[in-house]
C-alpha atoms as a PDB file:
ATOM      1  CA  MET A   1     -24.640   6.929  28.836  1.00  0.00           C
ATOM      2  CA  VAL A   2     -22.031   7.072  31.379  1.00  0.00           C
ATOM      3  CA  ASP A   3     -23.297   5.801  34.512  1.00  0.00           C
ATOM      4  CA  LEU A   4     -21.426   4.720  37.633  1.00  0.00           C
ATOM      5  CA  THR A   5     -24.875   2.829  39.430  1.00  0.00           C
ATOM      6  CA  GLY A   6     -24.101   1.224  42.293  1.00  0.00           C
ATOM      7  CA  LYS A   7     -20.438   2.198  42.591  1.00  0.00           C
ATOM      8  CA  ASN A   8     -18.224   3.210  45.708  1.00  0.00           C
ATOM      9  CA  ILE A   9     -15.974   6.212  45.351  1.00  0.00           C
ATOM     10  CA  ILE A  10     -14.019   8.517  47.809  1.00  0.00           C
ATOM     11  CA  VAL A  11     -13.349  12.356  46.903  1.00  0.00           C
ATOM     12  CA  THR A  12     -10.450  13.755  48.727  1.00  0.00           C
ATOM     13  CA  GLY A  13     -10.833  17.019  49.055  1.00  0.00           C
ATOM     14  CA  GLY A  14     -14.426  16.812  48.296  1.00  0.00           C
ATOM     15  CA  GLY A  15     -15.734  20.008  49.807  1.00  0.00           C
ATOM     16  CA  ARG A  16     -15.071  22.942  47.840  1.00  0.00           C
ATOM     17  CA  GLY A  17     -13.972  23.983  44.245  1.00  0.00           C
ATOM     18  CA  LEU A  18     -13.344  21.043  41.578  1.00  0.00           C
ATOM     19  CA  GLY A  19     -13.623  18.599  44.886  1.00  0.00           C
ATOM     20  CA  ARG A  20     -17.407  19.466  45.348  1.00  0.00           C
ATOM     21  CA  ALA A  21     -18.174  19.511  41.723  1.00  0.00           C
ATOM     22  CA  TYR A  22     -16.352  16.198  41.265  1.00  0.00           C
ATOM     23  CA  SER A  23     -18.138  14.937  44.542  1.00  0.00           C
ATOM     24  CA  MET A  24     -21.314  16.199  43.260  1.00  0.00           C
ATOM     25  CA  ALA A  25     -21.513  15.153  39.575  1.00  0.00           C
ATOM     26  CA  ILE A  26     -20.130  11.301  40.900  1.00  0.00           C
ATOM     27  CA  ALA A  27     -23.115  11.311  43.175  1.00  0.00           C
ATOM     28  CA  ARG A  28     -25.433  12.321  40.263  1.00  0.00           C
ATOM     29  CA  ALA A  29     -23.966   9.512  38.187  1.00  0.00           C
ATOM     30  CA  GLY A  30     -25.410   7.137  40.330  1.00  0.00           C
ATOM     31  CA  ALA A  31     -22.422   6.226  42.573  1.00  0.00           C
ATOM     32  CA  ARG A  32     -22.095   6.125  46.320  1.00  0.00           C
ATOM     33  CA  VAL A  33     -19.717   9.414  47.783  1.00  0.00           C
ATOM     34  CA  VAL A  34     -17.384   9.187  50.315  1.00  0.00           C
ATOM     35  CA  VAL A  35     -16.519  13.139  50.694  1.00  0.00           C
ATOM     36  CA  ASN A  36     -13.449  13.486  52.262  1.00  0.00           C
ATOM     37  CA  ASP A  37     -12.233  17.217  53.772  1.00  0.00           C
ATOM     38  CA  ILE A  38     -10.149  18.349  56.169  1.00  0.00           C
ATOM     39  CA  ASP A  39     -12.741  20.756  57.021  1.00  0.00           C
ATOM     40  CA  ALA A  40     -15.643  18.727  58.435  1.00  0.00           C
ATOM     41  CA  ASP A  41     -18.223  21.226  57.839  1.00  0.00           C
ATOM     42  CA  VAL A  42     -17.900  21.548  54.402  1.00  0.00           C
ATOM     43  CA  ALA A  43     -17.624  17.952  53.969  1.00  0.00           C
ATOM     44  CA  HIS A  44     -20.788  17.468  55.742  1.00  0.00           C
ATOM     45  CA  ALA A  45     -22.338  20.162  53.754  1.00  0.00           C
ATOM     46  CA  VAL A  46     -21.782  18.551  50.642  1.00  0.00           C
ATOM     47  CA  ALA A  47     -22.759  15.157  51.737  1.00  0.00           C
ATOM     48  CA  GLU A  48     -26.040  16.543  52.653  1.00  0.00           C
ATOM     49  CA  GLU A  49     -26.453  18.357  49.248  1.00  0.00           C
ATOM     50  CA  ILE A  50     -25.953  14.861  47.958  1.00  0.00           C
ATOM     51  CA  ARG A  51     -28.592  13.301  49.636  1.00  0.00           C
ATOM     52  CA  ASP A  52     -31.038  16.078  49.496  1.00  0.00           C
ATOM     53  CA  GLU A  53     -30.923  14.923  45.931  1.00  0.00           C
ATOM     54  CA  GLY A  54     -31.900  11.718  46.295  1.00  0.00           C
ATOM     55  CA  ASN A  55     -28.332  10.227  45.932  1.00  0.00           C
ATOM     56  CA  ASP A  56     -25.708   8.547  48.365  1.00  0.00           C
ATOM     57  CA  ALA A  57     -23.250  10.319  50.553  1.00  0.00           C
ATOM     58  CA  THR A  58     -21.226  10.326  53.411  1.00  0.00           C
ATOM     59  CA  ALA A  59     -18.747  12.409  54.880  1.00  0.00           C
ATOM     60  CA  ASP A  60     -15.592  11.467  56.174  1.00  0.00           C
ATOM     61  CA  ALA A  61     -13.285  14.675  57.956  1.00  0.00           C
ATOM     62  CA  GLY A  62      -9.409  14.173  58.040  1.00  0.00           C
ATOM     63  CA  SER A  63      -5.964  15.031  56.759  1.00  0.00           C
ATOM     64  CA  VAL A  64      -5.154  12.969  53.862  1.00  0.00           C
ATOM     65  CA  THR A  65      -1.353  13.820  55.233  1.00  0.00           C
ATOM     66  CA  ASP A  66      -1.894  11.442  58.385  1.00  0.00           C
ATOM     67  CA  TRP A  67      -1.320   8.262  57.030  1.00  0.00           C
ATOM     68  CA  ALA A  68      -3.487   6.319  59.705  1.00  0.00           C
ATOM     69  CA  TYR A  69      -6.455   8.821  58.703  1.00  0.00           C
ATOM     70  CA  ALA A  70      -5.987   7.825  55.457  1.00  0.00           C
ATOM     71  CA  GLU A  71      -6.113   4.021  56.343  1.00  0.00           C
ATOM     72  CA  ARG A  72      -9.514   4.584  57.969  1.00  0.00           C
ATOM     73  CA  LEU A  73     -10.962   7.057  55.185  1.00  0.00           C
ATOM     74  CA  VAL A  74     -10.337   3.823  52.707  1.00  0.00           C
ATOM     75  CA  GLY A  75     -11.460   1.139  55.682  1.00  0.00           C
ATOM     76  CA  ASN A  76     -14.528   3.257  56.034  1.00  0.00           C
ATOM     77  CA  ALA A  77     -15.197   3.045  52.763  1.00  0.00           C
ATOM     78  CA  LEU A  78     -15.092  -0.384  52.391  1.00  0.00           C
ATOM     79  CA  ASP A  79     -17.472  -0.803  54.827  1.00  0.00           C
ATOM     80  CA  ARG A  80     -19.802   0.147  52.790  1.00  0.00           C
ATOM     81  CA  GLY A  81     -18.680  -2.761  49.932  1.00  0.00           C
ATOM     82  CA  PRO A  82     -15.567  -2.924  47.406  1.00  0.00           C
ATOM     83  CA  LEU A  83     -13.760   0.066  46.948  1.00  0.00           C
ATOM     84  CA  ASP A  84     -14.564   0.972  43.120  1.00  0.00           C
ATOM     85  CA  GLY A  85     -12.974   4.127  42.743  1.00  0.00           C
ATOM     86  CA  ILE A  86     -10.996   6.956  44.420  1.00  0.00           C
ATOM     87  CA  VAL A  87     -10.334  10.504  43.047  1.00  0.00           C
ATOM     88  CA  LEU A  88      -6.903  11.780  44.899  1.00  0.00           C
ATOM     89  CA  ASN A  89      -7.971  15.647  44.688  1.00  0.00           C
ATOM     90  CA  ALA A  90      -7.477  17.413  47.341  1.00  0.00           C
ATOM     91  CA  GLY A  91      -4.796  19.729  47.423  1.00  0.00           C
ATOM     92  CA  VAL A  92      -2.930  23.152  48.027  1.00  0.00           C
ATOM     93  CA  PHE A  93      -1.873  26.072  45.898  1.00  0.00           C
ATOM     94  CA  GLN A  94       0.758  28.725  46.200  1.00  0.00           C
ATOM     95  CA  ILE A  95       2.555  31.166  43.882  1.00  0.00           C
ATOM     96  CA  ALA A  96       5.848  32.986  45.132  1.00  0.00           C
ATOM     97  CA  ARG A  97       9.334  33.590  44.302  1.00  0.00           C
ATOM     98  CA  PRO A  98      11.767  31.010  44.818  1.00  0.00           C
ATOM     99  CA  ASP A  99      13.819  33.185  46.978  1.00  0.00           C
ATOM    100  CA  THR A 100      11.017  33.533  49.191  1.00  0.00           C
ATOM    101  CA  GLU A 101       9.613  30.457  50.307  1.00  0.00           C
ATOM    102  CA  ASP A 102      10.140  28.541  53.347  1.00  0.00           C
ATOM    103  CA  GLU A 103      10.588  25.629  55.073  1.00  0.00           C
ATOM    104  CA  GLN A 104       6.770  25.992  56.487  1.00  0.00           C
ATOM    105  CA  ARG A 105       5.146  26.664  53.137  1.00  0.00           C
ATOM    106  CA  LEU A 106       7.425  24.234  51.204  1.00  0.00           C
ATOM    107  CA  ARG A 107       6.745  21.347  53.664  1.00  0.00           C
ATOM    108  CA  ARG A 108       3.041  21.932  53.427  1.00  0.00           C
ATOM    109  CA  ILE A 109       2.265  22.032  49.603  1.00  0.00           C
ATOM    110  CA  THR A 110       4.725  18.859  49.735  1.00  0.00           C
ATOM    111  CA  GLU A 111       2.818  16.789  52.129  1.00  0.00           C
ATOM    112  CA  VAL A 112      -0.851  17.718  51.015  1.00  0.00           C
ATOM    113  CA  ASN A 113       0.011  17.514  47.085  1.00  0.00           C
ATOM    114  CA  VAL A 114       2.718  14.680  47.240  1.00  0.00           C
ATOM    115  CA  LEU A 115       2.398  12.680  50.291  1.00  0.00           C
ATOM    116  CA  GLY A 116      -1.632  12.911  50.452  1.00  0.00           C
ATOM    117  CA  PRO A 117      -2.198  11.240  47.540  1.00  0.00           C
ATOM    118  CA  LEU A 118       0.483   8.619  47.937  1.00  0.00           C
ATOM    119  CA  PHE A 119      -0.976   7.741  51.387  1.00  0.00           C
ATOM    120  CA  CYS A 120      -4.827   7.418  50.547  1.00  0.00           C
ATOM    121  CA  GLY A 121      -3.565   5.863  47.241  1.00  0.00           C
ATOM    122  CA  THR A 122      -1.574   3.242  48.691  1.00  0.00           C
ATOM    123  CA  HIS A 123      -4.017   2.100  51.198  1.00  0.00           C
ATOM    124  CA  ALA A 124      -7.035   2.174  48.339  1.00  0.00           C
ATOM    125  CA  LEU A 125      -4.573   0.216  45.993  1.00  0.00           C
ATOM    126  CA  ARG A 126      -4.419  -2.315  48.685  1.00  0.00           C
ATOM    127  CA  ALA A 127      -7.821  -2.696  49.062  1.00  0.00           C
ATOM    128  CA  MET A 128      -8.343  -2.648  44.649  1.00  0.00           C
ATOM    129  CA  TYR A 129      -5.285  -5.297  43.958  1.00  0.00           C
ATOM    130  CA  ARG A 130      -7.373  -7.809  46.932  1.00  0.00           C
ATOM    131  CA  GLN A 131     -10.370  -7.043  44.896  1.00  0.00           C
ATOM    132  CA  GLY A 132      -8.869  -7.688  41.846  1.00  0.00           C
ATOM    133  CA  ALA A 133     -10.485  -4.384  40.233  1.00  0.00           C
ATOM    134  CA  GLY A 134     -10.727  -0.590  40.956  1.00  0.00           C
ATOM    135  CA  VAL A 135     -10.073   2.964  39.390  1.00  0.00           C
ATOM    136  CA  VAL A 136      -7.588   5.449  40.781  1.00  0.00           C
ATOM    137  CA  VAL A 137      -8.000   9.482  39.268  1.00  0.00           C
ATOM    138  CA  THR A 138      -5.236  11.557  40.328  1.00  0.00           C
ATOM    139  CA  VAL A 139      -5.088  15.203  39.999  1.00  0.00           C
ATOM    140  CA  THR A 140      -2.065  16.776  38.366  1.00  0.00           C
ATOM    141  CA  SER A 141      -1.657  20.041  36.800  1.00  0.00           C
ATOM    142  CA  GLY A 142      -0.368  21.711  33.673  1.00  0.00           C
ATOM    143  CA  ALA A 143       2.029  23.454  35.855  1.00  0.00           C
ATOM    144  CA  LEU A 144       4.366  20.273  35.624  1.00  0.00           C
ATOM    145  CA  PHE A 145       5.703  21.122  32.368  1.00  0.00           C
ATOM    146  CA  ALA A 146       4.298  24.985  31.423  1.00  0.00           C
ATOM    147  CA  ALA A 147       7.491  26.658  33.224  1.00  0.00           C
ATOM    148  CA  LEU A 148       4.930  28.566  34.513  1.00  0.00           C
ATOM    149  CA  PRO A 149       6.436  31.738  36.347  1.00  0.00           C
ATOM    150  CA  TRP A 150       6.309  31.626  40.355  1.00  0.00           C
ATOM    151  CA  MET A 151       4.834  27.614  40.809  1.00  0.00           C
ATOM    152  CA  ALA A 152       8.198  26.206  40.984  1.00  0.00           C
ATOM    153  CA  ALA A 153       6.659  24.297  43.986  1.00  0.00           C
ATOM    154  CA  TYR A 154       3.661  24.106  42.929  1.00  0.00           C
ATOM    155  CA  GLY A 155       4.672  22.483  39.867  1.00  0.00           C
ATOM    156  CA  ALA A 156       7.056  20.269  41.431  1.00  0.00           C
ATOM    157  CA  THR A 157       4.526  18.639  43.627  1.00  0.00           C
ATOM    158  CA  LYS A 158       2.469  18.378  40.192  1.00  0.00           C
ATOM    159  CA  GLY A 159       5.041  16.909  38.490  1.00  0.00           C
ATOM    160  CA  ALA A 160       5.220  13.844  41.213  1.00  0.00           C
ATOM    161  CA  ILE A 161       1.898  13.591  40.315  1.00  0.00           C
ATOM    162  CA  ALA A 162       2.217  12.809  37.030  1.00  0.00           C
ATOM    163  CA  ALA A 163       5.171  10.377  37.643  1.00  0.00           C
ATOM    164  CA  LEU A 164       3.128   8.499  39.907  1.00  0.00           C
ATOM    165  CA  THR A 165      -0.167   8.239  37.984  1.00  0.00           C
ATOM    166  CA  TRP A 166       2.404   6.758  35.113  1.00  0.00           C
ATOM    167  CA  ASN A 167       4.269   4.521  37.413  1.00  0.00           C
ATOM    168  CA  TRP A 168       1.361   3.153  39.355  1.00  0.00           C
ATOM    169  CA  ALA A 169      -0.650   2.326  36.157  1.00  0.00           C
ATOM    170  CA  LEU A 170       2.271  -0.183  34.829  1.00  0.00           C
ATOM    171  CA  ASP A 171       2.324  -1.802  38.402  1.00  0.00           C
ATOM    172  CA  SER A 172      -1.550  -1.990  38.983  1.00  0.00           C
ATOM    173  CA  ALA A 173      -2.400  -3.025  35.079  1.00  0.00           C
ATOM    174  CA  PRO A 174      -1.923  -6.848  36.453  1.00  0.00           C
ATOM    175  CA  HIS A 175      -4.059  -6.381  39.154  1.00  0.00           C
ATOM    176  CA  GLY A 176      -7.081  -5.382  36.760  1.00  0.00           C
ATOM    177  CA  VAL A 177      -6.812  -1.948  38.351  1.00  0.00           C
ATOM    178  CA  ARG A 178      -6.823   1.278  36.339  1.00  0.00           C
ATOM    179  CA  VAL A 179      -5.233   4.753  36.829  1.00  0.00           C
ATOM    180  CA  ASN A 180      -5.406   7.686  35.095  1.00  0.00           C
ATOM    181  CA  GLY A 181      -5.184  11.561  35.785  1.00  0.00           C
ATOM    182  CA  ILE A 182      -6.874  14.550  35.166  1.00  0.00           C
ATOM    183  CA  ALA A 183      -4.691  18.009  34.616  1.00  0.00           C
ATOM    184  CA  PRO A 184      -8.221  20.117  35.117  1.00  0.00           C
ATOM    185  CA  LEU A 185      -8.358  24.201  34.698  1.00  0.00           C
ATOM    186  CA  GLY A 186     -11.269  25.586  36.989  1.00  0.00           C
ATOM    187  CA  ASP A 187     -12.445  28.741  38.239  1.00  0.00           C
ATOM    188  CA  THR A 188     -12.114  27.952  42.216  1.00  0.00           C
ATOM    189  CA  ARG A 189     -10.669  29.329  45.043  1.00  0.00           C
ATOM    190  CA  MET A 190      -7.250  28.020  44.153  1.00  0.00           C
ATOM    191  CA  LEU A 191      -7.207  30.931  41.068  1.00  0.00           C
ATOM    192  CA  ASP A 192      -8.205  33.764  43.832  1.00  0.00           C
ATOM    193  CA  VAL A 193      -4.132  33.354  45.242  1.00  0.00           C
ATOM    194  CA  GLY A 194      -3.112  34.185  41.754  1.00  0.00           C
ATOM    195  CA  ARG A 195      -5.481  37.110  41.378  1.00  0.00           C
ATOM    196  CA  THR A 196      -3.758  38.845  44.764  1.00  0.00           C
ATOM    197  CA  THR A 197      -0.384  38.189  43.298  1.00  0.00           C
ATOM    198  CA  ASP A 198       1.472  40.893  41.346  1.00  0.00           C
ATOM    199  CA  TRP A 199       2.229  38.867  38.787  1.00  0.00           C
ATOM    200  CA  VAL A 200      -0.617  36.509  37.186  1.00  0.00           C
ATOM    201  CA  GLN A 201      -0.132  34.424  33.498  1.00  0.00           C
ATOM    202  CA  ARG A 202      -3.592  33.048  31.761  1.00  0.00           C
ATOM    203  CA  PRO A 203      -3.808  31.316  28.447  1.00  0.00           C
ATOM    204  CA  PRO A 204      -4.577  34.103  25.316  1.00  0.00           C
ATOM    205  CA  VAL A 205      -7.713  32.842  25.115  1.00  0.00           C
ATOM    206  CA  TYR A 206      -8.814  34.285  28.664  1.00  0.00           C
ATOM    207  CA  GLU A 207      -7.086  37.567  28.139  1.00  0.00           C
ATOM    208  CA  GLU A 208      -9.499  37.906  24.977  1.00  0.00           C
ATOM    209  CA  GLY A 209     -12.184  37.847  27.843  1.00  0.00           C
ATOM    210  CA  PHE A 210     -13.585  34.101  27.634  1.00  0.00           C
ATOM    211  CA  PRO A 211     -15.052  32.907  30.687  1.00  0.00           C
ATOM    212  CA  LEU A 212     -12.735  30.376  33.064  1.00  0.00           C
ATOM    213  CA  PRO A 213     -14.224  27.361  33.279  1.00  0.00           C
ATOM    214  CA  GLN A 214     -16.624  26.444  36.313  1.00  0.00           C
ATOM    215  CA  PRO A 215     -15.842  23.559  38.453  1.00  0.00           C
ATOM    216  CA  GLU A 216     -19.240  22.083  37.635  1.00  0.00           C
ATOM    217  CA  ASP A 217     -18.351  22.070  33.620  1.00  0.00           C
ATOM    218  CA  VAL A 218     -14.774  20.353  34.462  1.00  0.00           C
ATOM    219  CA  ALA A 219     -16.829  17.412  36.678  1.00  0.00           C
ATOM    220  CA  PRO A 220     -17.532  15.460  33.764  1.00  0.00           C
ATOM    221  CA  ILE A 221     -14.164  13.992  33.288  1.00  0.00           C
ATOM    222  CA  ALA A 222     -14.181  12.384  36.762  1.00  0.00           C
ATOM    223  CA  VAL A 223     -17.477  10.885  35.838  1.00  0.00           C
ATOM    224  CA  TYR A 224     -15.933   9.223  32.581  1.00  0.00           C
ATOM    225  CA  LEU A 225     -12.554   8.313  33.999  1.00  0.00           C
ATOM    226  CA  LEU A 226     -14.538   6.263  37.246  1.00  0.00           C
ATOM    227  CA  SER A 227     -16.633   4.660  34.641  1.00  0.00           C
ATOM    228  CA  ASP A 228     -16.214   1.328  32.791  1.00  0.00           C
ATOM    229  CA  GLN A 229     -16.007   3.057  29.756  1.00  0.00           C
ATOM    230  CA  ALA A 230     -12.948   4.553  30.593  1.00  0.00           C
ATOM    231  CA  ASP A 231     -10.878   1.315  29.860  1.00  0.00           C
ATOM    232  CA  PHE A 232      -7.493   2.642  29.520  1.00  0.00           C
ATOM    233  CA  THR A 233      -5.017   2.884  31.902  1.00  0.00           C
ATOM    234  CA  GLY A 234      -1.316   5.457  32.273  1.00  0.00           C
ATOM    235  CA  GLN A 235      -3.326   8.635  30.839  1.00  0.00           C
ATOM    236  CA  ILE A 236      -2.928  11.988  31.856  1.00  0.00           C
ATOM    237  CA  VAL A 237      -6.190  14.025  30.654  1.00  0.00           C
ATOM    238  CA  ARG A 238      -5.922  17.723  30.013  1.00  0.00           C
ATOM    239  CA  PHE A 239      -9.446  18.999  30.567  1.00  0.00           C
ATOM    240  CA  GLU A 240     -10.589  23.008  30.976  1.00  0.00           C
ATOM    241  CA  GLY A 241     -14.289  22.486  30.426  1.00  0.00           C
ATOM    242  CA  TRP A 242     -14.304  23.229  26.869  1.00  0.00           C
ATOM    243  CA  ALA A 243     -10.874  22.208  25.491  1.00  0.00           C
ATOM    244  CA  LEU A 244     -10.339  18.096  25.996  1.00  0.00           C
ATOM    245  CA  GLY A 245      -6.446  16.548  25.217  1.00  0.00           C
ATOM    246  CA  LEU A 246      -3.959  14.350  26.635  1.00  0.00           C
ATOM    247  CA  MET A 247      -0.690  15.292  28.425  1.00  0.00           C
ATOM    248  CA  PRO A 248       2.210  13.231  26.968  1.00  0.00           C
ATOM    249  CA  ARG A 249       5.245  11.551  29.486  1.00  0.00           C
ATOM    250  CA  PRO A 250       8.439  13.179  28.684  1.00  0.00           C
ATOM    251  CA  ALA A 251      10.342  11.996  26.207  1.00  0.00           C
ATOM    252  CA  TYR A 252      14.325  12.345  25.031  1.00  0.00           C
ATOM    253  CA  VAL A 253      14.102  14.334  22.441  1.00  0.00           C
ATOM    254  CA  GLU A 254      17.406  13.054  20.863  1.00  0.00           C
ATOM    255  CA  GLU A 255      20.137  10.920  21.800  1.00  0.00           C
ATOM    256  CA  VAL A 256      23.598  10.856  20.999  1.00  0.00           C
ATOM    257  CA  ILE A 257      25.606   7.621  21.905  1.00  0.00           C
ATOM    258  CA  ARG A 258      29.394   7.052  22.870  1.00  0.00           C
ATOM    259  CA  ASP A 259      31.110   4.308  24.734  1.00  0.00           C
ATOM    260  CA  SER A 260      32.077   7.292  26.761  1.00  0.00           C
ATOM    261  CA  TRP A 261      32.529  10.743  27.343  1.00  0.00           C
ATOM    262  CA  THR A 262      34.666  13.476  28.154  1.00  0.00           C
ATOM    263  CA  ALA A 263      33.071  17.177  29.065  1.00  0.00           C
ATOM    264  CA  ASP A 264      34.399  18.452  25.653  1.00  0.00           C
ATOM    265  CA  GLU A 265      32.623  15.951  23.849  1.00  0.00           C
ATOM    266  CA  ILE A 266      29.476  17.019  26.069  1.00  0.00           C
ATOM    267  CA  ALA A 267      30.272  20.514  25.462  1.00  0.00           C
ATOM    268  CA  ALA A 268      30.923  19.998  21.754  1.00  0.00           C
ATOM    269  CA  GLU A 269      27.383  18.448  20.838  1.00  0.00           C
ATOM    270  CA  PHE A 270      25.787  21.133  22.637  1.00  0.00           C
ATOM    271  CA  ASP A 271      27.643  23.628  20.592  1.00  0.00           C
ATOM    272  CA  GLY A 272      26.376  22.033  17.886  1.00  0.00           C
ATOM    273  CA  HIS A 273      23.170  20.102  17.249  1.00  0.00           C
ATOM    274  CA  LEU A 274      21.627  19.403  20.757  1.00  0.00           C
ATOM    275  CA  ARG A 275      21.844  23.285  21.586  1.00  0.00           C
ATOM    276  CA  ALA A 276      18.710  23.825  18.465  1.00  0.00           C
ATOM    277  CA  GLY A 277      16.909  21.268  20.835  1.00  0.00           C
ATOM    278  CA  CYS A 278      16.980  23.474  24.061  1.00  0.00           C
ATOM    279  CA  ASP A 279      13.590  25.143  25.064  1.00  0.00           C
ATOM    280  CA  VAL A 280      14.117  28.762  25.900  1.00  0.00           C
ATOM    281  CA  VAL A 281      12.785  29.149  29.592  1.00  0.00           C
ATOM    282  CA  THR A 282      11.448  32.944  30.231  1.00  0.00           C
ATOM    283  CA  GLY A 283       9.772  34.052  32.807  1.00  0.00           C
ATOM    284  CA  PRO A 284       8.772  37.627  34.996  1.00  0.00           C
ATOM    285  CA  SER A 285      11.688  39.856  35.386  1.00  0.00           C
END
């Protein structure tokens, strides 16, 4: 049985949606949970709900985009004992044609989705390196490689988190720290953005009427990755509540080696066999 008894774990963005589901499931598995959210009311509500079930939780409200707050968040968790794990879940979502984006929107999604995990994760890793143990769970998305229309900004941030996961795993392994990621899909407020947008793409199974997984259906993957049974690192797990798989690291499709290249020689290679390896990119008109 997957068990987190006695572990001390932070969940960022733990007040709503998947974050709330992760917090609840982790607590039910026996861990002490620090529920972070920028909305103090929802953070306290989830922590209270966990305590009402007889489990252990505290709320810690603040923005993950604030470097000093991220340090305090980790420090507050350490006041309760060694930091065994952190789920870097806090994030925002947007759908927009690239030519309609503006500075404020692009800064917000980048700060929350990239700087937030970097800030909280960096402070957590410092503590875990000193301990010689710990688990970091990042949250990325299938949008990073699926070439989904109107998700360039969101996909870019989640691609950054995938790269962060693989690189942190490499750097952290000598310190006894594991780093793995989740690429989840759940029926949350994020999908409401898509439902109110002119264009929405869903996998064919959903078009056939298959229900979207609820956050509670997705939460077990966080419990597993935080547990001692997940004794691997550097993996990103795609989990949709019913479909489970691994997302591979990027790799060269094919390499052609020369001592030096001219533009004409490059053109010749693409006019030849490299052209066949080019993906076809399509999107909404």
